[in-house]
All heavy atoms as atom14 arrays in JSON, in Angstrom:
{
  "sequence": "MIARGEKAARMDVPLGPEIGQCCGGRVELELRHVEAAPPAPDRPQVLI",
  "atom14_mask": [
    [1, 1, 1, 1, 1, 1, 1, 1, 0, 0, 0, 0, 0, 0],
    [1, 1, 1, 1, 1, 1, 1, 1, 0, 0, 0, 0, 0, 0],
    [1, 1, 1, 1, 1, 0, 0, 0, 0, 0, 0, 0, 0, 0],
    [1, 1, 1, 1, 1, 1, 1, 1, 1, 1, 1, 0, 0, 0],
    [1, 1, 1, 1, 0, 0, 0, 0, 0, 0, 0, 0, 0, 0],
    [1, 1, 1, 1, 1, 1, 1, 1, 1, 0, 0, 0, 0, 0],
    [1, 1, 1, 1, 1, 1, 1, 1, 1, 0, 0, 0, 0, 0],
    [1, 1, 1, 1, 1, 0, 0, 0, 0, 0, 0, 0, 0, 0],
    [1, 1, 1, 1, 1, 0, 0, 0, 0, 0, 0, 0, 0, 0],
    [1, 1, 1, 1, 1, 1, 1, 1, 1, 1, 1, 0, 0, 0],
    [1, 1, 1, 1, 1, 1, 1, 1, 0, 0, 0, 0, 0, 0],
    [1, 1, 1, 1, 1, 1, 1, 1, 0, 0, 0, 0, 0, 0],
    [1, 1, 1, 1, 1, 1, 1, 0, 0, 0, 0, 0, 0, 0],
    [1, 1, 1, 1, 1, 1, 1, 0, 0, 0, 0, 0, 0, 0],
    [1, 1, 1, 1, 1, 1, 1, 1, 0, 0, 0, 0, 0, 0],
    [1, 1, 1, 1, 0, 0, 0, 0, 0, 0, 0, 0, 0, 0],
    [1, 1, 1, 1, 1, 1, 1, 0, 0, 0, 0, 0, 0, 0],
    [1, 1, 1, 1, 1, 1, 1, 1, 1, 0, 0, 0, 0, 0],
    [1, 1, 1, 1, 1, 1, 1, 1, 0, 0, 0, 0, 0, 0],
    [1, 1, 1, 1, 0, 0, 0, 0, 0, 0, 0, 0, 0, 0],
    [1, 1, 1, 1, 1, 1, 1, 1, 1, 0, 0, 0, 0, 0],
    [1, 1, 1, 1, 1, 1, 0, 0, 0, 0, 0, 0, 0, 0],
    [1, 1, 1, 1, 1, 1, 0, 0, 0, 0, 0, 0, 0, 0],
    [1, 1, 1, 1, 0, 0, 0, 0, 0, 0, 0, 0, 0, 0],
    [1, 1, 1, 1, 0, 0, 0, 0, 0, 0, 0, 0, 0, 0],
    [1, 1, 1, 1, 1, 1, 1, 1, 1, 1, 1, 0, 0, 0],
    [1, 1, 1, 1, 1, 1, 1, 0, 0, 0, 0, 0, 0, 0],
    [1, 1, 1, 1, 1, 1, 1, 1, 1, 0, 0, 0, 0, 0],
    [1, 1, 1, 1, 1, 1, 1, 1, 0, 0, 0, 0, 0, 0],
    [1, 1, 1, 1, 1, 1, 1, 1, 1, 0, 0, 0, 0, 0],
    [1, 1, 1, 1, 1, 1, 1, 1, 0, 0, 0, 0, 0, 0],
    [1, 1, 1, 1, 1, 1, 1, 1, 1, 1, 1, 0, 0, 0],
    [1, 1, 1, 1, 1, 1, 1, 1, 1, 1, 0, 0, 0, 0],
    [1, 1, 1, 1, 1, 1, 1, 0, 0, 0, 0, 0, 0, 0],
    [1, 1, 1, 1, 1, 1, 1, 1, 1, 0, 0, 0, 0, 0],
    [1, 1, 1, 1, 1, 0, 0, 0, 0, 0, 0, 0, 0, 0],
    [1, 1, 1, 1, 1, 0, 0, 0, 0, 0, 0, 0, 0, 0],
    [1, 1, 1, 1, 1, 1, 1, 0, 0, 0, 0, 0, 0, 0],
    [1, 1, 1, 1, 1, 1, 1, 0, 0, 0, 0, 0, 0, 0],
    [1, 1, 1, 1, 1, 0, 0, 0, 0, 0, 0, 0, 0, 0],
    [1, 1, 1, 1, 1, 1, 1, 0, 0, 0, 0, 0, 0, 0],
    [1, 1, 1, 1, 1, 1, 1, 1, 0, 0, 0, 0, 0, 0],
    [1, 1, 1, 1, 1, 1, 1, 1, 1, 1, 1, 0, 0, 0],
    [1, 1, 1, 1, 1, 1, 1, 0, 0, 0, 0, 0, 0, 0],
    [1, 1, 1, 1, 1, 1, 1, 1, 1, 0, 0, 0, 0, 0],
    [1, 1, 1, 1, 1, 1, 1, 0, 0, 0, 0, 0, 0, 0],
    [1, 1, 1, 1, 1, 1, 1, 1, 0, 0, 0, 0, 0, 0],
    [1, 1, 1, 1, 1, 1, 1, 1, 0, 0, 0, 0, 0, 0]
  ],
  "atom14_positions": [
    [[-19.63, -103.03, 38.29], [-18.64, -103.53, 37.28], [-18.64, -105.06, 37.28], [-18.57, -105.68, 36.22], [-17.21, -103.03, 37.67], [-17.01, -101.52, 37.48], [-15.45, -100.97, 38.1], [-14.31, -101.89, 37.0], [0.0, 0.0, 0.0], [0.0, 0.0, 0.0], [0.0, 0.0, 0.0], [0.0, 0.0, 0.0], [0.0, 0.0, 0.0], [0.0, 0.0, 0.0]],
    [[-18.72, -105.65, 38.45], [-18.72, -107.14, 38.5], [-19.95, -107.67, 37.77], [-19.88, -108.61, 37.01], [-18.71, -107.63, 39.94], [-17.33, -107.28, 40.63], [-18.94, -109.11, 40.06], [-17.33, -107.49, 42.12], [0.0, 0.0, 0.0], [0.0, 0.0, 0.0], [0.0, 0.0, 0.0], [0.0, 0.0, 0.0], [0.0, 0.0, 0.0], [0.0, 0.0, 0.0]],
    [[-21.11, -107.1, 38.05], [-22.37, -107.51, 37.46], [-22.34, -107.34, 35.92], [-22.91, -108.15, 35.18], [-23.54, -106.8, 38.05], [0.0, 0.0, 0.0], [0.0, 0.0, 0.0], [0.0, 0.0, 0.0], [0.0, 0.0, 0.0], [0.0, 0.0, 0.0], [0.0, 0.0, 0.0], [0.0, 0.0, 0.0], [0.0, 0.0, 0.0], [0.0, 0.0, 0.0]],
    [[-21.72, -106.27, 35.44], [-21.67, -105.97, 34.02], [-20.5, -106.55, 33.29], [-20.4, -106.44, 32.02], [-21.72, -104.47, 33.84], [-22.93, -103.77, 34.36], [-22.74, -102.26, 34.37], [-23.91, -101.57, 34.92], [-23.95, -100.24, 35.19], [-22.86, -99.49, 34.92], [-25.03, -99.7, 35.72], [0.0, 0.0, 0.0], [0.0, 0.0, 0.0], [0.0, 0.0, 0.0]],
    [[-19.54, -107.12, 34.02], [-18.33, -107.61, 33.39], [-17.36, -106.58, 32.98], [-16.49, -106.82, 32.12], [0.0, 0.0, 0.0], [0.0, 0.0, 0.0], [0.0, 0.0, 0.0], [0.0, 0.0, 0.0], [0.0, 0.0, 0.0], [0.0, 0.0, 0.0], [0.0, 0.0, 0.0], [0.0, 0.0, 0.0], [0.0, 0.0, 0.0], [0.0, 0.0, 0.0]],
    [[-17.4, -105.41, 33.57], [-16.44, -104.3, 33.21], [-15.11, -104.61, 33.81], [-14.97, -105.16, 34.91], [-16.98, -102.96, 33.79], [-18.26, -102.47, 33.17], [-18.65, -101.15, 33.78], [-17.88, -100.18, 33.68], [-19.75, -101.11, 34.37], [0.0, 0.0, 0.0], [0.0, 0.0, 0.0], [0.0, 0.0, 0.0], [0.0, 0.0, 0.0], [0.0, 0.0, 0.0]],
    [[-14.05, -104.21, 33.11], [-12.71, -104.5, 33.57], [-12.04, -103.31, 34.28], [-11.12, -103.48, 35.09], [-11.84, -104.9, 32.38], [-12.32, -106.2, 31.67], [-12.27, -107.4, 32.68], [-12.64, -108.7, 31.98], [-12.66, -109.83, 32.93], [0.0, 0.0, 0.0], [0.0, 0.0, 0.0], [0.0, 0.0, 0.0], [0.0, 0.0, 0.0], [0.0, 0.0, 0.0]],
    [[-12.43, -102.09, 33.92], [-11.75, -100.92, 34.51], [-12.65, -99.71, 34.5], [-13.55, -99.59, 33.65], [-10.45, -100.62, 33.72], [0.0, 0.0, 0.0], [0.0, 0.0, 0.0], [0.0, 0.0, 0.0], [0.0, 0.0, 0.0], [0.0, 0.0, 0.0], [0.0, 0.0, 0.0], [0.0, 0.0, 0.0], [0.0, 0.0, 0.0], [0.0, 0.0, 0.0]],
    [[-12.42, -98.85, 35.47], [-13.21, -97.61, 35.55], [-12.44, -96.63, 36.43], [-11.49, -96.99, 37.14], [-14.59, -97.86, 36.17], [0.0, 0.0, 0.0], [0.0, 0.0, 0.0], [0.0, 0.0, 0.0], [0.0, 0.0, 0.0], [0.0, 0.0, 0.0], [0.0, 0.0, 0.0], [0.0, 0.0, 0.0], [0.0, 0.0, 0.0], [0.0, 0.0, 0.0]],
    [[-12.87, -95.37, 36.34], [-12.28, -94.34, 37.22], [-13.4, -93.52, 37.86], [-14.49, -93.4, 37.34], [-11.35, -93.43, 36.4], [-10.05, -94.04, 35.99], [-9.09, -93.08, 35.29], [-7.86, -93.67, 35.02], [-6.85, -93.74, 35.86], [-6.95, -93.21, 37.06], [-5.7, -94.32, 35.52], [0.0, 0.0, 0.0], [0.0, 0.0, 0.0], [0.0, 0.0, 0.0]],
    [[-13.11, -92.99, 39.06], [-14.03, -92.11, 39.73], [-13.25, -90.88, 40.24], [-12.1, -90.98, 40.65], [-14.68, -92.85, 40.93], [-15.53, -94.04, 40.56], [-16.13, -94.92, 42.02], [-17.31, -93.66, 42.69], [0.0, 0.0, 0.0], [0.0, 0.0, 0.0], [0.0, 0.0, 0.0], [0.0, 0.0, 0.0], [0.0, 0.0, 0.0], [0.0, 0.0, 0.0]],
    [[-13.91, -89.74, 40.18], [-13.35, -88.48, 40.69], [-14.42, -87.95, 41.63], [-15.48, -87.49, 41.21], [-13.08, -87.5, 39.55], [-12.39, -86.24, 40.02], [-12.28, -86.03, 41.27], [-11.96, -85.44, 39.18], [0.0, 0.0, 0.0], [0.0, 0.0, 0.0], [0.0, 0.0, 0.0], [0.0, 0.0, 0.0], [0.0, 0.0, 0.0], [0.0, 0.0, 0.0]],
    [[-14.18, -88.01, 42.95], [-15.22, -87.78, 43.93], [-14.86, -86.52, 44.77], [-13.85, -86.54, 45.49], [-15.38, -88.96, 44.87], [-16.56, -88.73, 45.81], [-15.6, -90.25, 44.05], [0.0, 0.0, 0.0], [0.0, 0.0, 0.0], [0.0, 0.0, 0.0], [0.0, 0.0, 0.0], [0.0, 0.0, 0.0], [0.0, 0.0, 0.0], [0.0, 0.0, 0.0]],
    [[-15.71, -85.5, 44.74], [-15.48, -84.34, 45.69], [-16.05, -84.73, 47.05], [-17.19, -85.21, 47.17], [-16.32, -83.24, 45.02], [-17.4, -83.94, 44.24], [-16.78, -85.25, 43.83], [0.0, 0.0, 0.0], [0.0, 0.0, 0.0], [0.0, 0.0, 0.0], [0.0, 0.0, 0.0], [0.0, 0.0, 0.0], [0.0, 0.0, 0.0], [0.0, 0.0, 0.0]],
    [[-15.28, -84.44, 48.07], [-15.74, -84.84, 49.41], [-16.38, -83.66, 50.11], [-15.89, -83.03, 51.01], [-14.49, -85.3, 50.26], [-13.64, -86.4, 49.64], [-12.42, -86.71, 50.48], [-14.52, -87.65, 49.47], [0.0, 0.0, 0.0], [0.0, 0.0, 0.0], [0.0, 0.0, 0.0], [0.0, 0.0, 0.0], [0.0, 0.0, 0.0], [0.0, 0.0, 0.0]],
    [[-17.59, -83.36, 49.62], [-18.36, -82.21, 50.13], [-19.7, -82.61, 50.66], [-20.05, -83.81, 50.75], [0.0, 0.0, 0.0], [0.0, 0.0, 0.0], [0.0, 0.0, 0.0], [0.0, 0.0, 0.0], [0.0, 0.0, 0.0], [0.0, 0.0, 0.0], [0.0, 0.0, 0.0], [0.0, 0.0, 0.0], [0.0, 0.0, 0.0], [0.0, 0.0, 0.0]],
    [[-20.51, -81.68, 51.03], [-21.83, -81.95, 51.61], [-22.75, -82.74, 50.73], [-23.62, -83.44, 51.21], [-22.39, -80.52, 51.86], [-21.2, -79.6, 51.89], [-20.2, -80.22, 50.96], [0.0, 0.0, 0.0], [0.0, 0.0, 0.0], [0.0, 0.0, 0.0], [0.0, 0.0, 0.0], [0.0, 0.0, 0.0], [0.0, 0.0, 0.0], [0.0, 0.0, 0.0]],
    [[-22.52, -82.63, 49.41], [-23.42, -83.34, 48.53], [-23.35, -84.87, 48.65], [-24.27, -85.57, 48.28], [-23.15, -82.94, 47.04], [-21.78, -83.26, 46.5], [-20.77, -82.16, 46.74], [-20.99, -81.35, 47.64], [-19.8, -82.09, 46.0], [0.0, 0.0, 0.0], [0.0, 0.0, 0.0], [0.0, 0.0, 0.0], [0.0, 0.0, 0.0], [0.0, 0.0, 0.0]],
    [[-22.25, -85.38, 49.21], [-22.18, -86.83, 49.45], [-22.14, -87.18, 50.92], [-21.9, -88.28, 51.34], [-20.97, -87.48, 48.75], [-19.66, -87.04, 49.39], [-20.96, -87.19, 47.27], [-18.46, -87.93, 49.0], [0.0, 0.0, 0.0], [0.0, 0.0, 0.0], [0.0, 0.0, 0.0], [0.0, 0.0, 0.0], [0.0, 0.0, 0.0], [0.0, 0.0, 0.0]],
    [[-22.35, -86.16, 51.78], [-22.39, -86.4, 53.19], [-21.06, -86.48, 53.86], [-20.92, -87.0, 55.01], [0.0, 0.0, 0.0], [0.0, 0.0, 0.0], [0.0, 0.0, 0.0], [0.0, 0.0, 0.0], [0.0, 0.0, 0.0], [0.0, 0.0, 0.0], [0.0, 0.0, 0.0], [0.0, 0.0, 0.0], [0.0, 0.0, 0.0], [0.0, 0.0, 0.0]],
    [[-19.99, -86.0, 53.23], [-18.68, -85.92, 53.88], [-18.16, -84.48, 53.86], [-18.48, -83.76, 52.93], [-17.66, -86.86, 53.18], [-17.95, -88.34, 53.44], [-16.81, -89.24, 53.09], [-16.98, -90.17, 52.36], [-15.64, -88.97, 53.59], [0.0, 0.0, 0.0], [0.0, 0.0, 0.0], [0.0, 0.0, 0.0], [0.0, 0.0, 0.0], [0.0, 0.0, 0.0]],
    [[-17.47, -84.13, 54.88], [-17.08, -82.73, 55.02], [-15.54, -82.56, 55.04], [-15.06, -81.58, 55.58], [-17.67, -82.16, 56.31], [-17.26, -83.0, 57.8], [0.0, 0.0, 0.0], [0.0, 0.0, 0.0], [0.0, 0.0, 0.0], [0.0, 0.0, 0.0], [0.0, 0.0, 0.0], [0.0, 0.0, 0.0], [0.0, 0.0, 0.0], [0.0, 0.0, 0.0]],
    [[-14.8, -83.46, 54.47], [-13.36, -83.31, 54.45], [-12.94, -82.1, 53.63], [-11.99, -81.42, 53.94], [-12.7, -84.57, 53.83], [-12.84, -86.05, 54.83], [0.0, 0.0, 0.0], [0.0, 0.0, 0.0], [0.0, 0.0, 0.0], [0.0, 0.0, 0.0], [0.0, 0.0, 0.0], [0.0, 0.0, 0.0], [0.0, 0.0, 0.0], [0.0, 0.0, 0.0]],
    [[-13.72, -81.84, 52.53], [-13.43, -80.64, 51.73], [-12.39, -80.92, 50.65], [-12.1, -79.97, 49.89], [0.0, 0.0, 0.0], [0.0, 0.0, 0.0], [0.0, 0.0, 0.0], [0.0, 0.0, 0.0], [0.0, 0.0, 0.0], [0.0, 0.0, 0.0], [0.0, 0.0, 0.0], [0.0, 0.0, 0.0], [0.0, 0.0, 0.0], [0.0, 0.0, 0.0]],
    [[-11.93, -82.12, 50.54], [-10.96, -82.39, 49.48], [-11.55, -83.11, 48.25], [-12.77, -83.03, 48.01], [0.0, 0.0, 0.0], [0.0, 0.0, 0.0], [0.0, 0.0, 0.0], [0.0, 0.0, 0.0], [0.0, 0.0, 0.0], [0.0, 0.0, 0.0], [0.0, 0.0, 0.0], [0.0, 0.0, 0.0], [0.0, 0.0, 0.0], [0.0, 0.0, 0.0]],
    [[-10.73, -83.78, 47.53], [-11.17, -84.51, 46.34], [-10.32, -85.76, 46.2], [-9.12, -85.73, 46.44], [-11.01, -83.59, 45.12], [-11.86, -84.02, 43.93], [-11.76, -83.03, 42.78], [-12.8, -83.33, 41.77], [-13.94, -82.67, 41.68], [-14.25, -81.73, 42.57], [-14.79, -83.01, 40.71], [0.0, 0.0, 0.0], [0.0, 0.0, 0.0], [0.0, 0.0, 0.0]],
    [[-10.94, -86.85, 45.77], [-10.24, -88.13, 45.66], [-10.48, -88.74, 44.31], [-11.62, -88.77, 43.87], [-10.73, -89.1, 46.77], [-10.14, -90.51, 46.54], [-10.33, -88.59, 48.15], [0.0, 0.0, 0.0], [0.0, 0.0, 0.0], [0.0, 0.0, 0.0], [0.0, 0.0, 0.0], [0.0, 0.0, 0.0], [0.0, 0.0, 0.0], [0.0, 0.0, 0.0]],
    [[-9.45, -89.2, 43.66], [-9.55, -89.9, 42.41], [-9.28, -91.4, 42.65], [-8.33, -91.72, 43.37], [-8.57, -89.36, 41.41], [-8.87, -87.9, 40.96], [-7.89, -87.34, 39.98], [-7.2, -88.18, 39.28], [-7.77, -86.1, 39.86], [0.0, 0.0, 0.0], [0.0, 0.0, 0.0], [0.0, 0.0, 0.0], [0.0, 0.0, 0.0], [0.0, 0.0, 0.0]],
    [[-10.15, -92.23, 42.06], [-10.07, -93.66, 42.28], [-9.88, -94.37, 40.95], [-10.39, -94.02, 39.95], [-11.32, -94.2, 42.93], [-11.77, -93.56, 44.22], [-13.13, -94.17, 44.66], [-10.73, -93.79, 45.31], [0.0, 0.0, 0.0], [0.0, 0.0, 0.0], [0.0, 0.0, 0.0], [0.0, 0.0, 0.0], [0.0, 0.0, 0.0], [0.0, 0.0, 0.0]],
    [[-9.09, -95.43, 41.0], [-9.01, -96.39, 39.85], [-9.57, -97.71, 40.29], [-9.21, -98.24, 41.34], [-7.54, -96.57, 39.45], [-7.4, -97.53, 38.25], [-5.93, -97.77, 37.88], [-5.23, -98.46, 38.63], [-5.53, -97.22, 36.84], [0.0, 0.0, 0.0], [0.0, 0.0, 0.0], [0.0, 0.0, 0.0], [0.0, 0.0, 0.0], [0.0, 0.0, 0.0]],
    [[-10.51, -98.21, 39.53], [-11.17, -99.5, 39.76], [-10.78, -100.45, 38.67], [-10.95, -100.16, 37.48], [-12.69, -99.36, 39.8], [-13.24, -98.46, 40.95], [-13.25, -96.97, 40.52], [-14.65, -98.89, 41.29], [0.0, 0.0, 0.0], [0.0, 0.0, 0.0], [0.0, 0.0, 0.0], [0.0, 0.0, 0.0], [0.0, 0.0, 0.0], [0.0, 0.0, 0.0]],
    [[-10.25, -101.61, 39.07], [-9.72, -102.52, 38.07], [-9.99, -104.0, 38.48], [-9.84, -104.35, 39.62], [-8.19, -102.32, 37.87], [-7.59, -103.11, 36.74], [-6.16, -102.67, 36.45], [-6.09, -101.27, 36.06], [-6.32, -100.83, 34.85], [-6.64, -101.69, 33.86], [-6.24, -99.55, 34.53], [0.0, 0.0, 0.0], [0.0, 0.0, 0.0], [0.0, 0.0, 0.0]],
    [[-10.4, -104.79, 37.45], [-10.67, -106.19, 37.74], [-9.35, -106.94, 38.02], [-8.37, -106.79, 37.34], [-11.34, -106.84, 36.52], [-11.46, -108.34, 36.61], [-12.45, -108.93, 37.37], [-10.65, -109.35, 36.12], [-12.3, -110.28, 37.3], [-11.23, -110.53, 36.51], [0.0, 0.0, 0.0], [0.0, 0.0, 0.0], [0.0, 0.0, 0.0], [0.0, 0.0, 0.0]],
    [[-9.38, -107.76, 39.08], [-8.24, -108.64, 39.45], [-8.83, -110.01, 39.74], [-10.0, -110.17, 40.13], [-7.43, -108.11, 40.64], [-6.77, -106.81, 40.29], [-8.3, -107.95, 41.88], [0.0, 0.0, 0.0], [0.0, 0.0, 0.0], [0.0, 0.0, 0.0], [0.0, 0.0, 0.0], [0.0, 0.0, 0.0], [0.0, 0.0, 0.0], [0.0, 0.0, 0.0]],
    [[-8.01, -111.04, 39.63], [-8.51, -112.4, 39.9], [-8.73, -112.66, 41.37], [-9.64, -113.35, 41.76], [-7.53, -113.44, 39.32], [-7.46, -113.43, 37.81], [-8.78, -113.74, 37.16], [-9.57, -114.54, 37.73], [-9.12, -113.13, 36.09], [0.0, 0.0, 0.0], [0.0, 0.0, 0.0], [0.0, 0.0, 0.0], [0.0, 0.0, 0.0], [0.0, 0.0, 0.0]],
    [[-7.82, -112.09, 42.21], [-7.95, -112.34, 43.64], [-7.17, -111.3, 44.4], [-6.27, -110.61, 43.87], [-7.41, -113.72, 44.03], [0.0, 0.0, 0.0], [0.0, 0.0, 0.0], [0.0, 0.0, 0.0], [0.0, 0.0, 0.0], [0.0, 0.0, 0.0], [0.0, 0.0, 0.0], [0.0, 0.0, 0.0], [0.0, 0.0, 0.0], [0.0, 0.0, 0.0]],
    [[-7.56, -111.02, 45.64], [-6.79, -110.1, 46.5], [-5.47, -110.68, 46.83], [-5.32, -111.92, 47.02], [-7.58, -109.82, 47.77], [0.0, 0.0, 0.0], [0.0, 0.0, 0.0], [0.0, 0.0, 0.0], [0.0, 0.0, 0.0], [0.0, 0.0, 0.0], [0.0, 0.0, 0.0], [0.0, 0.0, 0.0], [0.0, 0.0, 0.0], [0.0, 0.0, 0.0]],
    [[-4.39, -109.91, 46.93], [-3.07, -110.43, 47.3], [-3.13, -110.93, 48.77], [-3.96, -110.49, 49.54], [-2.15, -109.21, 47.16], [-3.04, -108.03, 47.34], [-4.38, -108.44, 46.78], [0.0, 0.0, 0.0], [0.0, 0.0, 0.0], [0.0, 0.0, 0.0], [0.0, 0.0, 0.0], [0.0, 0.0, 0.0], [0.0, 0.0, 0.0], [0.0, 0.0, 0.0]],
    [[-2.25, -111.82, 49.11], [-2.18, -112.29, 50.51], [-1.88, -111.13, 51.45], [-1.13, -110.2, 51.05], [-1.09, -113.35, 50.54], [-0.24, -113.03, 49.32], [-1.18, -112.47, 48.3], [0.0, 0.0, 0.0], [0.0, 0.0, 0.0], [0.0, 0.0, 0.0], [0.0, 0.0, 0.0], [0.0, 0.0, 0.0], [0.0, 0.0, 0.0], [0.0, 0.0, 0.0]],
    [[-2.41, -111.17, 52.65], [-2.13, -110.11, 53.62], [-0.64, -110.1, 53.96], [-0.05, -111.16, 54.17], [-2.97, -110.35, 54.91], [0.0, 0.0, 0.0], [0.0, 0.0, 0.0], [0.0, 0.0, 0.0], [0.0, 0.0, 0.0], [0.0, 0.0, 0.0], [0.0, 0.0, 0.0], [0.0, 0.0, 0.0], [0.0, 0.0, 0.0], [0.0, 0.0, 0.0]],
    [[-0.04, -108.94, 54.06], [1.37, -108.86, 54.41], [1.61, -109.3, 55.85], [0.72, -109.22, 56.68], [1.72, -107.39, 54.22], [0.43, -106.66, 54.41], [-0.62, -107.6, 53.85], [0.0, 0.0, 0.0], [0.0, 0.0, 0.0], [0.0, 0.0, 0.0], [0.0, 0.0, 0.0], [0.0, 0.0, 0.0], [0.0, 0.0, 0.0], [0.0, 0.0, 0.0]],
    [[2.81, -109.78, 56.09], [3.15, -110.15, 57.47], [3.08, -108.91, 58.37], [3.54, -107.84, 57.96], [4.56, -110.73, 57.54], [4.64, -112.1, 56.86], [3.59, -112.79, 56.77], [5.75, -112.48, 56.43], [0.0, 0.0, 0.0], [0.0, 0.0, 0.0], [0.0, 0.0, 0.0], [0.0, 0.0, 0.0], [0.0, 0.0, 0.0], [0.0, 0.0, 0.0]],
    [[2.58, -109.1, 59.55], [2.43, -107.96, 60.46], [3.76, -107.82, 61.26], [4.31, -108.85, 61.73], [1.27, -108.17, 61.45], [-0.06, -108.21, 60.72], [-1.22, -108.23, 61.71], [-2.45, -107.97, 61.02], [-3.56, -107.48, 61.6], [-3.55, -107.21, 62.86], [-4.66, -107.31, 60.92], [0.0, 0.0, 0.0], [0.0, 0.0, 0.0], [0.0, 0.0, 0.0]],
    [[4.28, -106.61, 61.4], [5.51, -106.42, 62.16], [5.37, -106.93, 63.61], [4.33, -106.72, 64.26], [5.7, -104.87, 62.15], [4.92, -104.45, 61.01], [3.76, -105.31, 60.89], [0.0, 0.0, 0.0], [0.0, 0.0, 0.0], [0.0, 0.0, 0.0], [0.0, 0.0, 0.0], [0.0, 0.0, 0.0], [0.0, 0.0, 0.0], [0.0, 0.0, 0.0]],
    [[6.35, -107.64, 64.05], [6.32, -108.15, 65.4], [6.64, -107.06, 66.41], [7.48, -106.19, 66.18], [7.35, -109.3, 65.58], [6.9, -110.62, 65.07], [7.81, -111.72, 65.5], [8.69, -111.55, 66.36], [7.6, -112.9, 64.97], [0.0, 0.0, 0.0], [0.0, 0.0, 0.0], [0.0, 0.0, 0.0], [0.0, 0.0, 0.0], [0.0, 0.0, 0.0]],
    [[5.97, -107.15, 67.57], [6.33, -106.32, 68.74], [6.49, -107.28, 69.92], [5.51, -107.9, 70.35], [5.24, -105.27, 69.03], [5.67, -104.45, 70.24], [4.99, -104.38, 67.82], [0.0, 0.0, 0.0], [0.0, 0.0, 0.0], [0.0, 0.0, 0.0], [0.0, 0.0, 0.0], [0.0, 0.0, 0.0], [0.0, 0.0, 0.0], [0.0, 0.0, 0.0]],
    [[7.7, -107.43, 70.42], [7.93, -108.28, 71.57], [7.73, -107.5, 72.84], [8.35, -106.44, 73.03], [9.37, -108.86, 71.47], [9.7, -109.72, 70.27], [11.11, -110.35, 70.43], [8.68, -110.76, 70.02], [0.0, 0.0, 0.0], [0.0, 0.0, 0.0], [0.0, 0.0, 0.0], [0.0, 0.0, 0.0], [0.0, 0.0, 0.0], [0.0, 0.0, 0.0]],
    [[6.89, -107.97, 73.71], [6.57, -107.31, 75.0], [7.12, -108.19, 76.06], [6.7, -109.31, 76.3], [5.04, -107.14, 75.16], [4.43, -106.4, 73.96], [4.74, -106.4, 76.46], [2.96, -106.47, 73.92], [0.0, 0.0, 0.0], [0.0, 0.0, 0.0], [0.0, 0.0, 0.0], [0.0, 0.0, 0.0], [0.0, 0.0, 0.0], [0.0, 0.0, 0.0]]
  ]
}
């Protein structure tokens, strides 16, 4: 998408032997152009 200048796409992927994964489920993906990744969220503190 980056190379072609595409702005959006979708994928519907079965998680079976044909792709080398054996979860057995199915995953739908949305791919969308953004200018930048958001800043990482603050990590919860753990006081030891």
